Amino acid sequence: MPDSIIVRCGEMFLKGGNLPYFENKLLQNTRAITGISAVTKLRGRLILPYFPHHSSLRRVFGISSYSPAVKAEKTVEGLQTTALTMLGGKPGTFKVETRRSDKRFPLTSPQINKEVGQYIEASTKWQFDFVHPKIMVCIEINNGGAYLYTEIVAGAGGLPVGTAGKVYLLLENESDVLAGILMMKRGCDIIPIGVGKEPEISLLQRFSPKKIKTIVVGNTKELQDYIKKNNISVIVTGEAFETKKERKEIMVLRPLIGYTKGQIREGLERYKDVA
């Protein structure tokens, strides 16, 4: 049974000197969306205690993937016995793959693979298969400990929400919802504006680490007045090439400009499935 979760950070590691800012924001967002406060930050990783509703991690932008894991004793013997326990079930084929970021561990990654693999073969009927293993036994040794896992769950990717400022989202239909999600994926906080009615933000809220505040205006004229009064220079819409409108008074960001109707529908369904 897993007792930990290893979370891998994505493209934010291209941010150089600004990396600590992005790491801290991801840490805050992970706590807010999952409700788990005991989150440990390592270089390139977050470590969480295992929790049953871990699929909520798929709604945290900035996470590339995660794995339910078992923490082992940080010795060769500890890795061997933990790997043996994890395999269980009907024997088949396996492969061991190690990532050793803590260079103080005495063996190299290939040496660990060999020691653990040979131990499994000597102790069970499982057989090593380099090309098409039934189970991949993954070992990660970092400054926080030694962890073993057999599953990698894809995350949402992108950048942590709140690292790229705020944008106003003209929210009138589902295409606009998808546009808002894509802007959040690029690190933006969004402020939805509804024309004539309260905008539907339930899906957007699922991916936001904080409560989304909305704005409602009565009609197009009031929208123009609000934009002017608040010195808004840019708005986001879900307009595609076939549906775009001329808006001379303001710059418009259209994340879906090259999307077809089918691609917009598929994109929405993909995020609905995550939520």
C-alpha atoms as a PDB file:
ATOM      1  CA  MET A   1       0.000   0.000   0.000  1.00  0.00           C
ATOM      2  CA  PRO A   2       1.483   3.405  -0.964  1.00  0.00           C
ATOM      3  CA  ASP A   3       2.354   5.744   1.887  1.00  0.00           C
ATOM      4  CA  SER A   4       3.668   8.682  -0.175  1.00  0.00           C
ATOM      5  CA  ILE A   5       3.110  10.531  -3.436  1.00  0.00           C
ATOM      6  CA  ILE A   6       5.971  11.860  -5.560  1.00  0.00           C
ATOM      7  CA  VAL A   7       4.950  14.924  -7.586  1.00  0.00           C
ATOM      8  CA  ARG A   8       7.080  16.014 -10.537  1.00  0.00           C
ATOM      9  CA  CYS A   9       7.247  19.626 -11.617  1.00  0.00           C
ATOM     10  CA  GLY A  10       7.108  20.543 -15.297  1.00  0.00           C
ATOM     11  CA  GLU A  11       8.376  23.321 -17.520  1.00  0.00           C
ATOM     12  CA  MET A  12       8.812  25.832 -14.702  1.00  0.00           C
ATOM     13  CA  PHE A  13      12.335  24.430 -14.316  1.00  0.00           C
ATOM     14  CA  LEU A  14      13.270  26.479 -17.359  1.00  0.00           C
ATOM     15  CA  LYS A  15      12.794  29.634 -15.276  1.00  0.00           C
ATOM     16  CA  GLY A  16      16.362  29.924 -13.995  1.00  0.00           C
ATOM     17  CA  GLY A  17      16.777  32.411 -11.164  1.00  0.00           C
ATOM     18  CA  ASN A  18      13.012  32.767 -10.764  1.00  0.00           C
ATOM     19  CA  LEU A  19      12.598  29.075  -9.984  1.00  0.00           C
ATOM     20  CA  PRO A  20      12.024  29.488  -6.197  1.00  0.00           C
ATOM     21  CA  TYR A  21       9.061  31.773  -6.918  1.00  0.00           C
ATOM     22  CA  PHE A  22       7.457  29.178  -9.194  1.00  0.00           C
ATOM     23  CA  GLU A  23       8.215  26.353  -6.753  1.00  0.00           C
ATOM     24  CA  ASN A  24       6.596  28.192  -3.855  1.00  0.00           C
ATOM     25  CA  LYS A  25       3.528  29.036  -5.914  1.00  0.00           C
ATOM     26  CA  LEU A  26       3.157  25.400  -6.967  1.00  0.00           C
ATOM     27  CA  LEU A  27       3.478  24.359  -3.330  1.00  0.00           C
ATOM     28  CA  GLN A  28       0.714  26.799  -2.300  1.00  0.00           C
ATOM     29  CA  ASN A  29      -1.572  25.753  -5.157  1.00  0.00           C
ATOM     30  CA  THR A  30      -1.094  22.055  -4.436  1.00  0.00           C
ATOM     31  CA  ARG A  31      -2.081  22.560  -0.814  1.00  0.00           C
ATOM     32  CA  ALA A  32      -5.106  24.655  -1.787  1.00  0.00           C
ATOM     33  CA  ILE A  33      -6.519  22.250  -4.398  1.00  0.00           C
ATOM     34  CA  THR A  34      -5.802  18.956  -2.626  1.00  0.00           C
ATOM     35  CA  GLY A  35      -6.435  20.097   0.935  1.00  0.00           C
ATOM     36  CA  ILE A  36      -3.193  18.401   1.990  1.00  0.00           C
ATOM     37  CA  SER A  37      -1.019  20.694   4.101  1.00  0.00           C
ATOM     38  CA  ALA A  38       1.901  18.303   4.747  1.00  0.00           C
ATOM     39  CA  VAL A  39       3.680  18.930   1.458  1.00  0.00           C
ATOM     40  CA  THR A  40       7.484  18.777   1.339  1.00  0.00           C
ATOM     41  CA  LYS A  41       9.419  20.641  -1.351  1.00  0.00           C
ATOM     42  CA  LEU A  42      12.560  19.113  -2.843  1.00  0.00           C
ATOM     43  CA  ARG A  43      14.458  20.092  -5.960  1.00  0.00           C
ATOM     44  CA  GLY A  44      12.157  19.227  -8.864  1.00  0.00           C
ATOM     45  CA  ARG A  45       9.754  17.342  -6.606  1.00  0.00           C
ATOM     46  CA  LEU A  46       6.991  17.686  -4.081  1.00  0.00           C
ATOM     47  CA  ILE A  47       6.456  14.832  -1.604  1.00  0.00           C
ATOM     48  CA  LEU A  48       2.996  14.330  -0.151  1.00  0.00           C
ATOM     49  CA  PRO A  49       1.617  11.738   2.238  1.00  0.00           C
ATOM     50  CA  TYR A  50      -0.607   9.281   0.368  1.00  0.00           C
ATOM     51  CA  PHE A  51      -4.285  10.264   0.219  1.00  0.00           C
ATOM     52  CA  PRO A  52      -7.139   8.424  -1.557  1.00  0.00           C
ATOM     53  CA  HIS A  53      -8.387  11.359  -3.663  1.00  0.00           C
ATOM     54  CA  HIS A  54      -4.967  11.944  -5.231  1.00  0.00           C
ATOM     55  CA  SER A  55      -6.600  12.455  -8.667  1.00  0.00           C
ATOM     56  CA  SER A  56      -7.112  16.079  -7.529  1.00  0.00           C
ATOM     57  CA  LEU A  57      -3.403  16.551  -8.324  1.00  0.00           C
ATOM     58  CA  ARG A  58      -4.365  16.386 -12.011  1.00  0.00           C
ATOM     59  CA  ARG A  59      -6.080  19.765 -11.543  1.00  0.00           C
ATOM     60  CA  VAL A  60      -2.918  21.530 -10.385  1.00  0.00           C
ATOM     61  CA  PHE A  61      -1.252  23.346 -13.272  1.00  0.00           C
ATOM     62  CA  GLY A  62       2.535  23.064 -13.055  1.00  0.00           C
ATOM     63  CA  ILE A  63       2.522  19.344 -12.227  1.00  0.00           C
ATOM     64  CA  SER A  64       3.801  17.175 -15.082  1.00  0.00           C
ATOM     65  CA  SER A  65       3.130  13.802 -13.415  1.00  0.00           C
ATOM     66  CA  TYR A  66       2.916  12.054 -10.071  1.00  0.00           C
ATOM     67  CA  SER A  67       3.266   8.559  -8.611  1.00  0.00           C
ATOM     68  CA  PRO A  68       1.797   6.852  -5.550  1.00  0.00           C
ATOM     69  CA  ALA A  69       4.912   5.437  -3.878  1.00  0.00           C
ATOM     70  CA  VAL A  70       6.257   3.449  -0.954  1.00  0.00           C
ATOM     71  CA  LYS A  71       9.049   4.977   1.095  1.00  0.00           C
ATOM     72  CA  ALA A  72      11.814   2.459   1.758  1.00  0.00           C
ATOM     73  CA  GLU A  73      14.811   2.306   4.035  1.00  0.00           C
ATOM     74  CA  LYS A  74      17.635   4.123   2.253  1.00  0.00           C
ATOM     75  CA  THR A  75      19.825   1.052   1.891  1.00  0.00           C
ATOM     76  CA  VAL A  76      20.248  -1.591  -0.813  1.00  0.00           C
ATOM     77  CA  GLU A  77      18.542  -4.129   1.452  1.00  0.00           C
ATOM     78  CA  GLY A  78      15.659  -1.736   2.057  1.00  0.00           C
ATOM     79  CA  LEU A  79      15.167  -1.236  -1.676  1.00  0.00           C
ATOM     80  CA  GLN A  80      15.288  -4.973  -2.319  1.00  0.00           C
ATOM     81  CA  THR A  81      12.721  -5.983   0.287  1.00  0.00           C
ATOM     82  CA  THR A  82      10.353  -3.137  -0.596  1.00  0.00           C
ATOM     83  CA  ALA A  83      10.538  -3.983  -4.316  1.00  0.00           C
ATOM     84  CA  LEU A  84       9.730  -7.599  -3.532  1.00  0.00           C
ATOM     85  CA  THR A  85       6.689  -6.575  -1.494  1.00  0.00           C
ATOM     86  CA  MET A  86       5.406  -4.280  -4.246  1.00  0.00           C
ATOM     87  CA  LEU A  87       5.444  -6.935  -6.975  1.00  0.00           C
ATOM     88  CA  GLY A  88       3.041  -9.441  -5.408  1.00  0.00           C
ATOM     89  CA  GLY A  89       0.381 -11.158  -7.507  1.00  0.00           C
ATOM     90  CA  LYS A  90       0.950 -13.650 -10.311  1.00  0.00           C
ATOM     91  CA  PRO A  91       4.592 -13.739 -11.500  1.00  0.00           C
ATOM     92  CA  GLY A  92       5.463 -12.149 -14.832  1.00  0.00           C
ATOM     93  CA  THR A  93       8.208  -9.964 -16.239  1.00  0.00           C
ATOM     94  CA  PHE A  94       9.733  -6.850 -14.703  1.00  0.00           C
ATOM     95  CA  LYS A  95      12.367  -4.184 -15.130  1.00  0.00           C
ATOM     96  CA  VAL A  96      14.055  -1.959 -12.555  1.00  0.00           C
ATOM     97  CA  GLU A  97      14.774   1.686 -13.333  1.00  0.00           C
ATOM     98  CA  THR A  98      16.504   3.971 -10.841  1.00  0.00           C
ATOM     99  CA  ARG A  99      16.866   7.745 -10.587  1.00  0.00           C
ATOM    100  CA  ARG A 100      19.497   8.709  -8.009  1.00  0.00           C
ATOM    101  CA  SER A 101      19.611  12.455  -7.419  1.00  0.00           C
ATOM    102  CA  ASP A 102      21.180  12.005  -3.973  1.00  0.00           C
ATOM    103  CA  LYS A 103      24.755  11.205  -4.988  1.00  0.00           C
ATOM    104  CA  ARG A 104      25.667  10.311  -1.400  1.00  0.00           C
ATOM    105  CA  PHE A 105      24.013   6.930  -1.924  1.00  0.00           C
ATOM    106  CA  PRO A 106      26.970   4.519  -2.412  1.00  0.00           C
ATOM    107  CA  LEU A 107      25.740   2.737  -5.568  1.00  0.00           C
ATOM    108  CA  THR A 108      25.116   4.236  -8.998  1.00  0.00           C
ATOM    109  CA  SER A 109      21.746   3.885 -10.720  1.00  0.00           C
ATOM    110  CA  PRO A 110      22.869   0.932 -12.934  1.00  0.00           C
ATOM    111  CA  GLN A 111      24.323  -0.813  -9.892  1.00  0.00           C
ATOM    112  CA  ILE A 112      21.059  -0.380  -7.982  1.00  0.00           C
ATOM    113  CA  ASN A 113      19.102  -1.755 -10.945  1.00  0.00           C
ATOM    114  CA  LYS A 114      21.335  -4.835 -10.962  1.00  0.00           C
ATOM    115  CA  GLU A 115      21.249  -5.454  -7.207  1.00  0.00           C
ATOM    116  CA  VAL A 116      17.476  -5.115  -6.922  1.00  0.00           C
ATOM    117  CA  GLY A 117      16.760  -7.014 -10.144  1.00  0.00           C
ATOM    118  CA  GLN A 118      18.952  -9.972  -9.222  1.00  0.00           C
ATOM    119  CA  TYR A 119      17.403 -10.110  -5.750  1.00  0.00           C
ATOM    120  CA  ILE A 120      13.887 -10.268  -7.212  1.00  0.00           C
ATOM    121  CA  GLU A 121      14.833 -13.040  -9.642  1.00  0.00           C
ATOM    122  CA  ALA A 122      16.578 -15.044  -6.910  1.00  0.00           C
ATOM    123  CA  SER A 123      13.647 -14.685  -4.496  1.00  0.00           C
ATOM    124  CA  THR A 124      10.644 -15.132  -6.824  1.00  0.00           C
ATOM    125  CA  LYS A 125       9.530 -16.531 -10.161  1.00  0.00           C
ATOM    126  CA  TRP A 126       9.485 -13.047 -11.677  1.00  0.00           C
ATOM    127  CA  GLN A 127      11.770 -12.703 -14.719  1.00  0.00           C
ATOM    128  CA  PHE A 128      13.673  -9.657 -15.927  1.00  0.00           C
ATOM    129  CA  ASP A 129      12.649  -8.246 -19.332  1.00  0.00           C
ATOM    130  CA  PHE A 130      14.471  -5.165 -20.595  1.00  0.00           C
ATOM    131  CA  VAL A 131      12.185  -4.461 -23.576  1.00  0.00           C
ATOM    132  CA  HIS A 132       8.580  -5.399 -22.696  1.00  0.00           C
ATOM    133  CA  PRO A 133       8.254  -5.805 -18.927  1.00  0.00           C
ATOM    134  CA  LYS A 134       4.835  -6.415 -17.388  1.00  0.00           C
ATOM    135  CA  ILE A 135       5.758  -4.196 -14.445  1.00  0.00           C
ATOM    136  CA  MET A 136       8.300  -1.391 -14.213  1.00  0.00           C
ATOM    137  CA  VAL A 137       9.744  -1.108 -10.711  1.00  0.00           C
ATOM    138  CA  CYS A 138      10.868   2.512 -10.439  1.00  0.00           C
ATOM    139  CA  ILE A 139      13.214   3.652  -7.686  1.00  0.00           C
ATOM    140  CA  GLU A 140      13.890   7.267  -6.819  1.00  0.00           C
ATOM    141  CA  ILE A 141      16.561   8.218  -4.314  1.00  0.00           C
ATOM    142  CA  ASN A 142      16.549  11.899  -3.382  1.00  0.00           C
ATOM    143  CA  ASN A 143      17.436  14.040  -0.384  1.00  0.00           C
ATOM    144  CA  GLY A 144      14.092  13.218   1.188  1.00  0.00           C
ATOM    145  CA  GLY A 145      14.509   9.449   1.118  1.00  0.00           C
ATOM    146  CA  ALA A 146      14.143   6.404  -1.124  1.00  0.00           C
ATOM    147  CA  TYR A 147      10.837   5.768  -2.889  1.00  0.00           C
ATOM    148  CA  LEU A 148       9.544   2.937  -5.074  1.00  0.00           C
ATOM    149  CA  TYR A 149       6.561   3.035  -7.417  1.00  0.00           C
ATOM    150  CA  THR A 150       5.084   1.216 -10.406  1.00  0.00           C
ATOM    151  CA  GLU A 151       2.678   3.850 -11.772  1.00  0.00           C
ATOM    152  CA  ILE A 152       3.097   7.286 -13.346  1.00  0.00           C
ATOM    153  CA  VAL A 153      -0.035   9.449 -13.623  1.00  0.00           C
ATOM    154  CA  ALA A 154       0.014  12.310 -16.139  1.00  0.00           C
ATOM    155  CA  GLY A 155      -0.542  15.781 -14.710  1.00  0.00           C
ATOM    156  CA  ALA A 156      -1.975  18.965 -16.230  1.00  0.00           C
ATOM    157  CA  GLY A 157       1.431  20.458 -17.096  1.00  0.00           C
ATOM    158  CA  GLY A 158       1.856  24.165 -17.735  1.00  0.00           C
ATOM    159  CA  LEU A 159       2.785  26.763 -15.113  1.00  0.00           C
ATOM    160  CA  PRO A 160       1.356  27.326 -11.624  1.00  0.00           C
ATOM    161  CA  VAL A 161      -1.712  29.578 -11.601  1.00  0.00           C
ATOM    162  CA  GLY A 162      -0.801  33.005 -10.257  1.00  0.00           C
ATOM    163  CA  THR A 163       2.693  33.258 -11.730  1.00  0.00           C
ATOM    164  CA  ALA A 164       1.739  35.339 -14.781  1.00  0.00           C
ATOM    165  CA  GLY A 165      -0.560  38.079 -13.486  1.00  0.00           C
ATOM    166  CA  LYS A 166      -4.309  38.558 -14.038  1.00  0.00           C
ATOM    167  CA  VAL A 167      -6.369  38.606 -17.219  1.00  0.00           C
ATOM    168  CA  TYR A 168     -10.030  39.425 -17.853  1.00  0.00           C
ATOM    169  CA  LEU A 169     -12.023  36.669 -19.542  1.00  0.00           C
ATOM    170  CA  LEU A 170     -15.154  37.508 -21.523  1.00  0.00           C
ATOM    171  CA  LEU A 171     -17.214  34.479 -20.532  1.00  0.00           C
ATOM    172  CA  GLU A 172     -20.288  33.875 -22.686  1.00  0.00           C
ATOM    173  CA  ASN A 173     -20.082  30.221 -23.798  1.00  0.00           C
ATOM    174  CA  GLU A 174     -18.128  26.968 -23.392  1.00  0.00           C
ATOM    175  CA  SER A 175     -15.442  28.035 -25.857  1.00  0.00           C
ATOM    176  CA  ASP A 176     -14.649  30.911 -23.520  1.00  0.00           C
ATOM    177  CA  VAL A 177     -14.382  28.426 -20.641  1.00  0.00           C
ATOM    178  CA  LEU A 178     -11.720  26.472 -22.539  1.00  0.00           C
ATOM    179  CA  ALA A 179      -9.874  29.702 -23.340  1.00  0.00           C
ATOM    180  CA  GLY A 180      -9.890  30.555 -19.642  1.00  0.00           C
ATOM    181  CA  ILE A 181      -8.488  27.155 -18.700  1.00  0.00           C
ATOM    182  CA  LEU A 182      -5.679  27.506 -21.245  1.00  0.00           C
ATOM    183  CA  MET A 183      -4.761  30.935 -19.844  1.00  0.00           C
ATOM    184  CA  MET A 184      -4.717  29.459 -16.336  1.00  0.00           C
ATOM    185  CA  LYS A 185      -2.403  26.755 -17.658  1.00  0.00           C
ATOM    186  CA  ARG A 186       0.001  29.516 -18.689  1.00  0.00           C
ATOM    187  CA  GLY A 187       0.029  30.812 -15.098  1.00  0.00           C
ATOM    188  CA  CYS A 188      -2.677  33.488 -15.293  1.00  0.00           C
ATOM    189  CA  ASP A 189      -5.293  34.296 -12.680  1.00  0.00           C
ATOM    190  CA  ILE A 190      -8.558  34.947 -14.523  1.00  0.00           C
ATOM    191  CA  ILE A 191     -11.364  37.414 -13.851  1.00  0.00           C
ATOM    192  CA  PRO A 192     -14.482  36.298 -15.781  1.00  0.00           C
ATOM    193  CA  ILE A 193     -16.886  38.936 -17.093  1.00  0.00           C
ATOM    194  CA  GLY A 194     -20.476  37.958 -17.854  1.00  0.00           C
ATOM    195  CA  VAL A 195     -22.705  40.047 -20.115  1.00  0.00           C
ATOM    196  CA  GLY A 196     -26.346  40.058 -19.017  1.00  0.00           C
ATOM    197  CA  LYS A 197     -25.956  37.119 -16.642  1.00  0.00           C
ATOM    198  CA  GLU A 198     -23.648  35.569 -14.068  1.00  0.00           C
ATOM    199  CA  PRO A 199     -20.903  33.633 -15.927  1.00  0.00           C
ATOM    200  CA  GLU A 200     -20.706  29.863 -15.396  1.00  0.00           C
ATOM    201  CA  ILE A 201     -17.374  29.225 -13.676  1.00  0.00           C
ATOM    202  CA  SER A 202     -17.797  25.780 -12.092  1.00  0.00           C
ATOM    203  CA  LEU A 203     -15.238  24.076 -14.362  1.00  0.00           C
ATOM    204  CA  LEU A 204     -12.806  26.985 -14.111  1.00  0.00           C
ATOM    205  CA  GLN A 205     -13.082  26.926 -10.323  1.00  0.00           C
ATOM    206  CA  ARG A 206     -12.025  23.277 -10.240  1.00  0.00           C
ATOM    207  CA  PHE A 207      -8.601  24.251 -11.607  1.00  0.00           C
ATOM    208  CA  SER A 208      -8.191  27.416  -9.554  1.00  0.00           C
ATOM    209  CA  PRO A 209      -6.377  27.359  -6.197  1.00  0.00           C
ATOM    210  CA  LYS A 210      -8.485  30.260  -4.917  1.00  0.00           C
ATOM    211  CA  LYS A 211     -12.053  31.462  -5.253  1.00  0.00           C
ATOM    212  CA  ILE A 212     -12.691  33.090  -8.618  1.00  0.00           C
ATOM    213  CA  LYS A 213     -14.415  36.462  -8.429  1.00  0.00           C
ATOM    214  CA  THR A 214     -16.707  37.381 -11.323  1.00  0.00           C
ATOM    215  CA  ILE A 215     -17.981  40.608 -12.853  1.00  0.00           C
ATOM    216  CA  VAL A 216     -21.419  41.036 -14.435  1.00  0.00           C
ATOM    217  CA  VAL A 217     -22.387  43.857 -16.818  1.00  0.00           C
ATOM    218  CA  GLY A 218     -25.830  44.412 -18.288  1.00  0.00           C
ATOM    219  CA  ASN A 219     -25.007  44.710 -21.990  1.00  0.00           C
ATOM    220  CA  THR A 220     -22.275  45.387 -24.541  1.00  0.00           C
ATOM    221  CA  LYS A 221     -22.361  49.146 -23.875  1.00  0.00           C
ATOM    222  CA  GLU A 222     -21.830  48.560 -20.149  1.00  0.00           C
ATOM    223  CA  LEU A 223     -18.981  46.189 -20.988  1.00  0.00           C
ATOM    224  CA  GLN A 224     -17.274  48.893 -23.034  1.00  0.00           C
ATOM    225  CA  ASP A 225     -17.790  51.417 -20.229  1.00  0.00           C
ATOM    226  CA  TYR A 226     -16.385  48.990 -17.648  1.00  0.00           C
ATOM    227  CA  ILE A 227     -13.314  48.323 -19.791  1.00  0.00           C
ATOM    228  CA  LYS A 228     -12.677  52.030 -20.210  1.00  0.00           C
ATOM    229  CA  LYS A 229     -13.349  52.939 -16.583  1.00  0.00           C
ATOM    230  CA  ASN A 230     -10.974  50.266 -15.261  1.00  0.00           C
ATOM    231  CA  ASN A 231      -8.244  50.851 -17.862  1.00  0.00           C
ATOM    232  CA  ILE A 232      -8.420  47.243 -19.062  1.00  0.00           C
ATOM    233  CA  SER A 233      -6.047  46.871 -21.986  1.00  0.00           C
ATOM    234  CA  VAL A 234      -6.454  43.157 -22.780  1.00  0.00           C
ATOM    235  CA  ILE A 235      -9.293  40.643 -22.626  1.00  0.00           C
ATOM    236  CA  VAL A 236      -9.383  36.925 -23.402  1.00  0.00           C
ATOM    237  CA  THR A 237     -12.116  35.234 -25.438  1.00  0.00           C
ATOM    238  CA  GLY A 238     -12.767  31.765 -26.804  1.00  0.00           C
ATOM    239  CA  GLU A 239     -13.251  33.030 -30.339  1.00  0.00           C
ATOM    240  CA  ALA A 240     -11.867  30.798 -33.083  1.00  0.00           C
ATOM    241  CA  PHE A 241     -11.014  32.003 -36.579  1.00  0.00           C
ATOM    242  CA  GLU A 242     -14.576  31.415 -37.819  1.00  0.00           C
ATOM    243  CA  THR A 243     -16.203  33.183 -34.851  1.00  0.00           C
ATOM    244  CA  LYS A 244     -13.847  36.084 -34.122  1.00  0.00           C
ATOM    245  CA  LYS A 245     -15.259  39.590 -33.827  1.00  0.00           C
ATOM    246  CA  GLU A 246     -13.541  42.873 -34.501  1.00  0.00           C
ATOM    247  CA  ARG A 247     -12.856  44.690 -31.242  1.00  0.00           C
ATOM    248  CA  LYS A 248     -10.965  47.840 -32.154  1.00  0.00           C
ATOM    249  CA  GLU A 249     -11.145  49.386 -28.703  1.00  0.00           C
ATOM    250  CA  ILE A 250      -9.036  46.734 -26.952  1.00  0.00           C
ATOM    251  CA  MET A 251      -6.438  44.026 -27.502  1.00  0.00           C
ATOM    252  CA  VAL A 252      -7.971  40.556 -27.606  1.00  0.00           C
ATOM    253  CA  LEU A 253      -6.154  37.319 -26.802  1.00  0.00           C
ATOM    254  CA  ARG A 254      -7.704  34.337 -28.596  1.00  0.00           C
ATOM    255  CA  PRO A 255      -6.058  31.079 -27.403  1.00  0.00           C
ATOM    256  CA  LEU A 256      -8.427  29.072 -29.629  1.00  0.00           C
ATOM    257  CA  ILE A 257      -7.883  31.042 -32.833  1.00  0.00           C
ATOM    258  CA  GLY A 258      -6.599  27.978 -34.725  1.00  0.00           C
ATOM    259  CA  TYR A 259      -9.013  25.468 -33.190  1.00  0.00           C
ATOM    260  CA  THR A 260     -11.846  23.755 -35.050  1.00  0.00           C
ATOM    261  CA  LYS A 261     -15.221  23.172 -33.401  1.00  0.00           C
ATOM    262  CA  GLY A 262     -14.271  19.542 -32.927  1.00  0.00           C
ATOM    263  CA  GLN A 263     -10.982  20.438 -31.231  1.00  0.00           C
ATOM    264  CA  ILE A 264     -12.761  22.848 -28.892  1.00  0.00           C
ATOM    265  CA  ARG A 265     -15.258  20.161 -27.956  1.00  0.00           C
ATOM    266  CA  GLU A 266     -12.485  17.588 -27.400  1.00  0.00           C
ATOM    267  CA  GLY A 267     -10.507  20.043 -25.286  1.00  0.00           C
ATOM    268  CA  LEU A 268     -13.474  20.775 -23.056  1.00  0.00           C
ATOM    269  CA  GLU A 269     -14.239  17.082 -22.597  1.00  0.00           C
ATOM    270  CA  ARG A 270     -10.641  16.383 -21.667  1.00  0.00           C
ATOM    271  CA  TYR A 271     -10.710  18.941 -18.866  1.00  0.00           C
ATOM    272  CA  LYS A 272     -14.181  17.865 -17.745  1.00  0.00           C
ATOM    273  CA  ASP A 273     -12.858  14.313 -17.392  1.00  0.00           C
ATOM    274  CA  VAL A 274     -10.009  15.576 -15.200  1.00  0.00           C
ATOM    275  CA  ALA A 275     -12.332  17.625 -13.015  1.00  0.00           C
END
